[in-house]
Amino acid sequence: VKPILPMPNLPVARVMWKALPSLTTGVECWITAGGAHHTVLSYDVTAEQMHDWANIMGIEFVHIGKDTTPEGLEHDLFLADLAWKLK
């Protein structure tokens, strides 16, 4: 997404993107999944590659995309939590 106005030159990370499936749903899912300290954004690595890497490293991977719903994500996170506890 190209900004409509120049971005200020602040000493912080910044990025522009289109939230999927929508801004409100994307933010709700992002907060449910853990918020900023668990976030990765890449223009060079695909979601499938990140998923594979997470499996290799033995860590959880949550992908919020165009078909994600808050209810579905919450259900998936609940099941994933149970699965991790049983490992």
PDB file of N, CA and C in Angstrom:
ATOM      1  N   VAL A   1       0.851  -1.172   0.000  1.00  0.00           N
ATOM      2  CA  VAL A   1       0.000   0.000   0.000  1.00  0.00           C
ATOM      3  C   VAL A   1       0.893   1.229   0.000  1.00  0.00           C
ATOM      4  N   LYS A   2       0.647   2.130  -0.909  1.00  0.00           N
ATOM      5  CA  LYS A   2       1.419   3.365  -0.950  1.00  0.00           C
ATOM      6  C   LYS A   2       0.742   4.412  -0.070  1.00  0.00           C
ATOM      7  N   PRO A   3       1.510   5.099   0.799  1.00  0.00           N
ATOM      8  CA  PRO A   3       0.915   6.138   1.637  1.00  0.00           C
ATOM      9  C   PRO A   3       0.434   7.313   0.793  1.00  0.00           C
ATOM     10  N   ILE A   4      -0.661   7.934   1.233  1.00  0.00           N
ATOM     11  CA  ILE A   4      -1.196   9.078   0.483  1.00  0.00           C
ATOM     12  C   ILE A   4      -0.458  10.366   0.835  1.00  0.00           C
ATOM     13  N   LEU A   5       0.219  10.378   1.988  1.00  0.00           N
ATOM     14  CA  LEU A   5       1.037  11.511   2.416  1.00  0.00           C
ATOM     15  C   LEU A   5       2.415  10.991   2.791  1.00  0.00           C
ATOM     16  N   PRO A   6       3.430  11.849   2.779  1.00  0.00           N
ATOM     17  CA  PRO A   6       4.762  11.395   3.179  1.00  0.00           C
ATOM     18  C   PRO A   6       4.754  10.899   4.632  1.00  0.00           C
ATOM     19  N   MET A   7       5.495   9.828   4.875  1.00  0.00           N
ATOM     20  CA  MET A   7       5.615   9.304   6.233  1.00  0.00           C
ATOM     21  C   MET A   7       6.664  10.127   6.980  1.00  0.00           C
ATOM     22  N   PRO A   8       6.404  10.464   8.249  1.00  0.00           N
ATOM     23  CA  PRO A   8       7.411  11.208   9.012  1.00  0.00           C
ATOM     24  C   PRO A   8       8.645  10.341   9.252  1.00  0.00           C
ATOM     25  N   ASN A   9       9.797  10.979   9.346  1.00  0.00           N
ATOM     26  CA  ASN A   9      11.049  10.262   9.559  1.00  0.00           C
ATOM     27  C   ASN A   9      11.282  10.098  11.060  1.00  0.00           C
ATOM     28  N   LEU A  10      10.592   9.138  11.663  1.00  0.00           N
ATOM     29  CA  LEU A  10      10.699   8.896  13.097  1.00  0.00           C
ATOM     30  C   LEU A  10      11.638   7.720  13.359  1.00  0.00           C
ATOM     31  N   PRO A  11      12.274   7.692  14.532  1.00  0.00           N
ATOM     32  CA  PRO A  11      13.206   6.600  14.850  1.00  0.00           C
ATOM     33  C   PRO A  11      12.489   5.341  15.345  1.00  0.00           C
ATOM     34  N   VAL A  12      11.458   4.927  14.644  1.00  0.00           N
ATOM     35  CA  VAL A  12      10.698   3.730  15.019  1.00  0.00           C
ATOM     36  C   VAL A  12      10.408   2.919  13.758  1.00  0.00           C
ATOM     37  N   ALA A  13      10.085   1.650  13.961  1.00  0.00           N
ATOM     38  CA  ALA A  13       9.706   0.816  12.821  1.00  0.00           C
ATOM     39  C   ALA A  13       8.373   1.296  12.258  1.00  0.00           C
ATOM     40  N   ARG A  14       8.205   1.163  10.970  1.00  0.00           N
ATOM     41  CA  ARG A  14       6.937   1.553  10.349  1.00  0.00           C
ATOM     42  C   ARG A  14       6.752   0.752   9.076  1.00  0.00           C
ATOM     43  N   VAL A  15       5.502   0.531   8.750  1.00  0.00           N
ATOM     44  CA  VAL A  15       5.179  -0.217   7.543  1.00  0.00           C
ATOM     45  C   VAL A  15       3.746   0.118   7.147  1.00  0.00           C
ATOM     46  N   MET A  16       3.472   0.053   5.866  1.00  0.00           N
ATOM     47  CA  MET A  16       2.112   0.259   5.371  1.00  0.00           C
ATOM     48  C   MET A  16       1.679  -1.035   4.696  1.00  0.00           C
ATOM     49  N   TRP A  17       0.506  -1.534   5.052  1.00  0.00           N
ATOM     50  CA  TRP A  17      -0.041  -2.722   4.404  1.00  0.00           C
ATOM     51  C   TRP A  17      -1.551  -2.691   4.502  1.00  0.00           C
ATOM     52  N   LYS A  18      -2.196  -3.522   3.726  1.00  0.00           N
ATOM     53  CA  LYS A  18      -3.648  -3.643   3.764  1.00  0.00           C
ATOM     54  C   LYS A  18      -3.991  -4.817   4.671  1.00  0.00           C
ATOM     55  N   ALA A  19      -4.684  -4.535   5.756  1.00  0.00           N
ATOM     56  CA  ALA A  19      -5.060  -5.584   6.707  1.00  0.00           C
ATOM     57  C   ALA A  19      -6.134  -6.481   6.104  1.00  0.00           C
ATOM     58  N   LEU A  20      -5.944  -7.785   6.264  1.00  0.00           N
ATOM     59  CA  LEU A  20      -6.921  -8.753   5.770  1.00  0.00           C
ATOM     60  C   LEU A  20      -7.538  -9.496   6.934  1.00  0.00           C
ATOM     61  N   PRO A  21      -8.780  -9.871   6.859  1.00  0.00           N
ATOM     62  CA  PRO A  21      -9.736  -9.689   5.772  1.00  0.00           C
ATOM     63  C   PRO A  21     -10.285  -8.265   5.705  1.00  0.00           C
ATOM     64  N   SER A  22     -10.234  -7.525   6.807  1.00  0.00           N
ATOM     65  CA  SER A  22     -10.571  -6.103   6.846  1.00  0.00           C
ATOM     66  C   SER A  22      -9.783  -5.513   8.005  1.00  0.00           C
ATOM     67  N   LEU A  23      -9.765  -4.204   8.116  1.00  0.00           N
ATOM     68  CA  LEU A  23      -9.000  -3.584   9.198  1.00  0.00           C
ATOM     69  C   LEU A  23      -9.527  -4.012  10.561  1.00  0.00           C
ATOM     70  N   THR A  24     -10.836  -3.924  10.771  1.00  0.00           N
ATOM     71  CA  THR A  24     -11.381  -4.255  12.093  1.00  0.00           C
ATOM     72  C   THR A  24     -11.221  -5.738  12.420  1.00  0.00           C
ATOM     73  N   THR A  25     -11.508  -6.605  11.477  1.00  0.00           N
ATOM     74  CA  THR A  25     -11.364  -8.044  11.722  1.00  0.00           C
ATOM     75  C   THR A  25      -9.896  -8.418  11.873  1.00  0.00           C
ATOM     76  N   GLY A  26      -9.043  -7.865  11.038  1.00  0.00           N
ATOM     77  CA  GLY A  26      -7.613  -8.139  11.125  1.00  0.00           C
ATOM     78  C   GLY A  26      -7.032  -7.731  12.464  1.00  0.00           C
ATOM     79  N   VAL A  27      -7.407  -6.546  12.941  1.00  0.00           N
ATOM     80  CA  VAL A  27      -6.908  -6.075  14.236  1.00  0.00           C
ATOM     81  C   VAL A  27      -7.445  -6.942  15.368  1.00  0.00           C
ATOM     82  N   GLU A  28      -8.718  -7.303  15.315  1.00  0.00           N
ATOM     83  CA  GLU A  28      -9.287  -8.173  16.348  1.00  0.00           C
ATOM     84  C   GLU A  28      -8.539  -9.507  16.400  1.00  0.00           C
ATOM     85  N   CYS A  29      -8.280 -10.081  15.254  1.00  0.00           N
ATOM     86  CA  CYS A  29      -7.550 -11.355  15.205  1.00  0.00           C
ATOM     87  C   CYS A  29      -6.109 -11.177  15.668  1.00  0.00           C
ATOM     88  N   TRP A  30      -5.483 -10.084  15.282  1.00  0.00           N
ATOM     89  CA  TRP A  30      -4.100  -9.796  15.670  1.00  0.00           C
ATOM     90  C   TRP A  30      -3.983  -9.691  17.186  1.00  0.00           C
ATOM     91  N   ILE A  31      -4.920  -8.990  17.827  1.00  0.00           N
ATOM     92  CA  ILE A  31      -4.914  -8.869  19.287  1.00  0.00           C
ATOM     93  C   ILE A  31      -5.164 -10.230  19.928  1.00  0.00           C
ATOM     94  N   THR A  32      -6.111 -10.991  19.395  1.00  0.00           N
ATOM     95  CA  THR A  32      -6.406 -12.328  19.919  1.00  0.00           C
ATOM     96  C   THR A  32      -5.178 -13.229  19.833  1.00  0.00           C
ATOM     97  N   ALA A  33      -4.417 -13.092  18.760  1.00  0.00           N
ATOM     98  CA  ALA A  33      -3.250 -13.951  18.546  1.00  0.00           C
ATOM     99  C   ALA A  33      -2.039 -13.546  19.372  1.00  0.00           C
ATOM    100  N   GLY A  34      -2.056 -12.382  19.990  1.00  0.00           N
ATOM    101  CA  GLY A  34      -0.931 -12.003  20.838  1.00  0.00           C
ATOM    102  C   GLY A  34      -0.410 -10.600  20.633  1.00  0.00           C
ATOM    103  N   GLY A  35      -0.870  -9.907  19.614  1.00  0.00           N
ATOM    104  CA  GLY A  35      -0.464  -8.524  19.424  1.00  0.00           C
ATOM    105  C   GLY A  35       0.959  -8.364  18.897  1.00  0.00           C
ATOM    106  N   ALA A  36       1.509  -7.182  19.106  1.00  0.00           N
ATOM    107  CA  ALA A  36       2.745  -6.763  18.445  1.00  0.00           C
ATOM    108  C   ALA A  36       3.972  -7.596  18.778  1.00  0.00           C
ATOM    109  N   HIS A  37       4.106  -8.058  20.004  1.00  0.00           N
ATOM    110  CA  HIS A  37       5.344  -8.763  20.348  1.00  0.00           C
ATOM    111  C   HIS A  37       5.410 -10.169  19.761  1.00  0.00           C
ATOM    112  N   HIS A  38       4.392 -10.577  19.046  1.00  0.00           N
ATOM    113  CA  HIS A  38       4.397 -11.870  18.367  1.00  0.00           C
ATOM    114  C   HIS A  38       4.205 -11.712  16.857  1.00  0.00           C
ATOM    115  N   THR A  39       4.499 -10.549  16.324  1.00  0.00           N
ATOM    116  CA  THR A  39       4.178 -10.254  14.934  1.00  0.00           C
ATOM    117  C   THR A  39       5.401 -10.335  14.028  1.00  0.00           C
ATOM    118  N   VAL A  40       5.201 -10.897  12.841  1.00  0.00           N
ATOM    119  CA  VAL A  40       6.233 -10.929  11.810  1.00  0.00           C
ATOM    120  C   VAL A  40       5.594 -10.451  10.513  1.00  0.00           C
ATOM    121  N   LEU A  41       6.281  -9.584   9.806  1.00  0.00           N
ATOM    122  CA  LEU A  41       5.841  -9.134   8.489  1.00  0.00           C
ATOM    123  C   LEU A  41       7.021  -9.279   7.549  1.00  0.00           C
ATOM    124  N   SER A  42       6.812  -9.899   6.420  1.00  0.00           N
ATOM    125  CA  SER A  42       7.889 -10.064   5.454  1.00  0.00           C
ATOM    126  C   SER A  42       7.349  -9.868   4.048  1.00  0.00           C
ATOM    127  N   TYR A  43       8.118  -9.154   3.254  1.00  0.00           N
ATOM    128  CA  TYR A  43       7.798  -9.022   1.837  1.00  0.00           C
ATOM    129  C   TYR A  43       8.553 -10.065   1.010  1.00  0.00           C
ATOM    130  N   ASP A  44       9.513 -10.764   1.622  1.00  0.00           N
ATOM    131  CA  ASP A  44      10.372 -11.692   0.896  1.00  0.00           C
ATOM    132  C   ASP A  44      10.094 -13.159   1.189  1.00  0.00           C
ATOM    133  N   VAL A  45       9.444 -13.447   2.300  1.00  0.00           N
ATOM    134  CA  VAL A  45       9.178 -14.826   2.703  1.00  0.00           C
ATOM    135  C   VAL A  45       7.670 -15.050   2.670  1.00  0.00           C
ATOM    136  N   THR A  46       7.244 -16.186   2.135  1.00  0.00           N
ATOM    137  CA  THR A  46       5.809 -16.475   2.049  1.00  0.00           C
ATOM    138  C   THR A  46       5.295 -17.028   3.374  1.00  0.00           C
ATOM    139  N   ALA A  47       3.984 -17.005   3.535  1.00  0.00           N
ATOM    140  CA  ALA A  47       3.365 -17.581   4.730  1.00  0.00           C
ATOM    141  C   ALA A  47       3.682 -19.070   4.821  1.00  0.00           C
ATOM    142  N   GLU A  48       3.707 -19.751   3.690  1.00  0.00           N
ATOM    143  CA  GLU A  48       4.033 -21.181   3.692  1.00  0.00           C
ATOM    144  C   GLU A  48       5.460 -21.418   4.184  1.00  0.00           C
ATOM    145  N   GLN A  49       6.397 -20.574   3.756  1.00  0.00           N
ATOM    146  CA  GLN A  49       7.779 -20.704   4.214  1.00  0.00           C
ATOM    147  C   GLN A  49       7.886 -20.436   5.716  1.00  0.00           C
ATOM    148  N   MET A  50       7.161 -19.430   6.209  1.00  0.00           N
ATOM    149  CA  MET A  50       7.177 -19.152   7.649  1.00  0.00           C
ATOM    150  C   MET A  50       6.560 -20.307   8.427  1.00  0.00           C
ATOM    151  N   HIS A  51       5.503 -20.898   7.883  1.00  0.00           N
ATOM    152  CA  HIS A  51       4.864 -22.052   8.519  1.00  0.00           C
ATOM    153  C   HIS A  51       5.845 -23.221   8.600  1.00  0.00           C
ATOM    154  N   ASP A  52       6.540 -23.487   7.507  1.00  0.00           N
ATOM    155  CA  ASP A  52       7.532 -24.567   7.498  1.00  0.00           C
ATOM    156  C   ASP A  52       8.634 -24.304   8.522  1.00  0.00           C
ATOM    157  N   TRP A  53       9.138 -23.073   8.560  1.00  0.00           N
ATOM    158  CA  TRP A  53      10.197 -22.717   9.510  1.00  0.00           C
ATOM    159  C   TRP A  53       9.715 -22.891  10.948  1.00  0.00           C
ATOM    160  N   ALA A  54       8.484 -22.464  11.236  1.00  0.00           N
ATOM    161  CA  ALA A  54       7.934 -22.621  12.586  1.00  0.00           C
ATOM    162  C   ALA A  54       7.861 -24.095  12.972  1.00  0.00           C
ATOM    163  N   ASN A  55       7.453 -24.942  12.041  1.00  0.00           N
ATOM    164  CA  ASN A  55       7.420 -26.386  12.312  1.00  0.00           C
ATOM    165  C   ASN A  55       8.809 -26.927  12.609  1.00  0.00           C
ATOM    166  N   ILE A  56       9.799 -26.511  11.829  1.00  0.00           N
ATOM    167  CA  ILE A  56      11.177 -26.954  12.051  1.00  0.00           C
ATOM    168  C   ILE A  56      11.669 -26.503  13.424  1.00  0.00           C
ATOM    169  N   MET A  57      11.334 -25.274  13.809  1.00  0.00           N
ATOM    170  CA  MET A  57      11.797 -24.715  15.082  1.00  0.00           C
ATOM    171  C   MET A  57      10.962 -25.172  16.272  1.00  0.00           C
ATOM    172  N   GLY A  58       9.814 -25.781  16.001  1.00  0.00           N
ATOM    173  CA  GLY A  58       8.947 -26.242  17.085  1.00  0.00           C
ATOM    174  C   GLY A  58       8.196 -25.118  17.773  1.00  0.00           C
ATOM    175  N   ILE A  59       7.849 -24.091  16.995  1.00  0.00           N
ATOM    176  CA  ILE A  59       7.093 -22.969  17.552  1.00  0.00           C
ATOM    177  C   ILE A  59       5.766 -22.827  16.814  1.00  0.00           C
ATOM    178  N   GLU A  60       4.850 -22.109  17.439  1.00  0.00           N
ATOM    179  CA  GLU A  60       3.514 -21.933  16.867  1.00  0.00           C
ATOM    180  C   GLU A  60       3.541 -20.912  15.736  1.00  0.00           C
ATOM    181  N   PHE A  61       2.703 -21.145  14.737  1.00  0.00           N
ATOM    182  CA  PHE A  61       2.545 -20.224  13.617  1.00  0.00           C
ATOM    183  C   PHE A  61       1.067 -19.907  13.462  1.00  0.00           C
ATOM    184  N   VAL A  62       0.729 -18.634  13.455  1.00  0.00           N
ATOM    185  CA  VAL A  62      -0.654 -18.189  13.255  1.00  0.00           C
ATOM    186  C   VAL A  62      -0.655 -17.255  12.053  1.00  0.00           C
ATOM    187  N   HIS A  63      -1.451 -17.584  11.060  1.00  0.00           N
ATOM    188  CA  HIS A  63      -1.541 -16.764   9.856  1.00  0.00           C
ATOM    189  C   HIS A  63      -2.924 -16.133   9.784  1.00  0.00           C
ATOM    190  N   ILE A  64      -2.963 -14.809   9.760  1.00  0.00           N
ATOM    191  CA  ILE A  64      -4.222 -14.080   9.615  1.00  0.00           C
ATOM    192  C   ILE A  64      -4.309 -13.649   8.157  1.00  0.00           C
ATOM    193  N   GLY A  65      -5.276 -14.196   7.446  1.00  0.00           N
ATOM    194  CA  GLY A  65      -5.413 -13.918   6.018  1.00  0.00           C
ATOM    195  C   GLY A  65      -6.826 -13.540   5.637  1.00  0.00           C
ATOM    196  N   LYS A  66      -7.090 -13.575   4.347  1.00  0.00           N
ATOM    197  CA  LYS A  66      -8.372 -13.082   3.826  1.00  0.00           C
ATOM    198  C   LYS A  66      -9.569 -13.894   4.291  1.00  0.00           C
ATOM    199  N   ASP A  67      -9.370 -15.155   4.656  1.00  0.00           N
ATOM    200  CA  ASP A  67     -10.481 -16.007   5.084  1.00  0.00           C
ATOM    201  C   ASP A  67     -10.565 -16.182   6.599  1.00  0.00           C
ATOM    202  N   THR A  68      -9.732 -15.480   7.352  1.00  0.00           N
ATOM    203  CA  THR A  68      -9.709 -15.623   8.810  1.00  0.00           C
ATOM    204  C   THR A  68     -10.906 -14.922   9.436  1.00  0.00           C
ATOM    205  N   THR A  69     -11.532 -15.592  10.402  1.00  0.00           N
ATOM    206  CA  THR A  69     -12.599 -14.978  11.198  1.00  0.00           C
ATOM    207  C   THR A  69     -12.161 -14.996  12.657  1.00  0.00           C
ATOM    208  N   PRO A  70     -12.615 -14.032  13.458  1.00  0.00           N
ATOM    209  CA  PRO A  70     -12.249 -14.033  14.879  1.00  0.00           C
ATOM    210  C   PRO A  70     -12.663 -15.322  15.586  1.00  0.00           C
ATOM    211  N   GLU A  71     -13.852 -15.816  15.284  1.00  0.00           N
ATOM    212  CA  GLU A  71     -14.335 -17.036  15.934  1.00  0.00           C
ATOM    213  C   GLU A  71     -13.489 -18.240  15.531  1.00  0.00           C
ATOM    214  N   GLY A  72     -13.185 -18.343  14.252  1.00  0.00           N
ATOM    215  CA  GLY A  72     -12.367 -19.446  13.766  1.00  0.00           C
ATOM    216  C   GLY A  72     -10.961 -19.415  14.339  1.00  0.00           C
ATOM    217  N   LEU A  73     -10.380 -18.209  14.405  1.00  0.00           N
ATOM    218  CA  LEU A  73      -9.035 -18.075  14.962  1.00  0.00           C
ATOM    219  C   LEU A  73      -9.021 -18.438  16.440  1.00  0.00           C
ATOM    220  N   GLU A  74     -10.009 -17.955  17.178  1.00  0.00           N
ATOM    221  CA  GLU A  74     -10.084 -18.274  18.604  1.00  0.00           C
ATOM    222  C   GLU A  74     -10.199 -19.787  18.808  1.00  0.00           C
ATOM    223  N   HIS A  75     -11.003 -20.440  18.002  1.00  0.00           N
ATOM    224  CA  HIS A  75     -11.154 -21.897  18.080  1.00  0.00           C
ATOM    225  C   HIS A  75      -9.830 -22.598  17.751  1.00  0.00           C
ATOM    226  N   ASP A  76      -9.168 -22.152  16.684  1.00  0.00           N
ATOM    227  CA  ASP A  76      -7.884 -22.743  16.296  1.00  0.00           C
ATOM    228  C   ASP A  76      -6.828 -22.554  17.382  1.00  0.00           C
ATOM    229  N   LEU A  77      -6.801 -21.368  18.007  1.00  0.00           N
ATOM    230  CA  LEU A  77      -5.832 -21.114  19.074  1.00  0.00           C
ATOM    231  C   LEU A  77      -6.115 -21.985  20.292  1.00  0.00           C
ATOM    232  N   PHE A  78      -7.389 -22.184  20.599  1.00  0.00           N
ATOM    233  CA  PHE A  78      -7.772 -23.057  21.714  1.00  0.00           C
ATOM    234  C   PHE A  78      -7.280 -24.482  21.470  1.00  0.00           C
ATOM    235  N   LEU A  79      -7.541 -25.001  20.266  1.00  0.00           N
ATOM    236  CA  LEU A  79      -7.108 -26.357  19.935  1.00  0.00           C
ATOM    237  C   LEU A  79      -5.583 -26.466  19.913  1.00  0.00           C
ATOM    238  N   ALA A  80      -4.920 -25.443  19.393  1.00  0.00           N
ATOM    239  CA  ALA A  80      -3.454 -25.455  19.362  1.00  0.00           C
ATOM    240  C   ALA A  80      -2.884 -25.451  20.775  1.00  0.00           C
ATOM    241  N   ASP A  81      -3.509 -24.691  21.667  1.00  0.00           N
ATOM    242  CA  ASP A  81      -3.058 -24.656  23.060  1.00  0.00           C
ATOM    243  C   ASP A  81      -3.178 -26.039  23.696  1.00  0.00           C
ATOM    244  N   LEU A  82      -4.286 -26.712  23.444  1.00  0.00           N
ATOM    245  CA  LEU A  82      -4.453 -28.079  23.956  1.00  0.00           C
ATOM    246  C   LEU A  82      -3.388 -29.015  23.389  1.00  0.00           C
ATOM    247  N   ALA A  83      -3.146 -28.910  22.103  1.00  0.00           N
ATOM    248  CA  ALA A  83      -2.155 -29.778  21.462  1.00  0.00           C
ATOM    249  C   ALA A  83      -0.762 -29.545  22.040  1.00  0.00           C
ATOM    250  N   TRP A  84      -0.396 -28.272  22.277  1.00  0.00           N
ATOM    251  CA  TRP A  84       0.928 -27.971  22.835  1.00  0.00           C
ATOM    252  C   TRP A  84       1.057 -28.529  24.248  1.00  0.00           C
ATOM    253  N   LYS A  85      -0.021 -28.497  25.006  1.00  0.00           N
ATOM    254  CA  LYS A  85       0.025 -29.017  26.377  1.00  0.00           C
ATOM    255  C   LYS A  85       0.171 -30.535  26.400  1.00  0.00           C
ATOM    256  N   LEU A  86      -0.289 -31.202  25.355  1.00  0.00           N
ATOM    257  CA  LEU A  86      -0.212 -32.662  25.291  1.00  0.00           C
ATOM    258  C   LEU A  86       1.116 -33.169  24.725  1.00  0.00           C
ATOM    259  N   LYS A  87       1.955 -32.267  24.229  1.00  0.00           N
ATOM    260  CA  LYS A  87       3.249 -32.681  23.651  1.00  0.00           C
ATOM    261  C   LYS A  87       4.194 -33.146  24.729  1.00  0.00           C
TER     262      LYS A  87
END
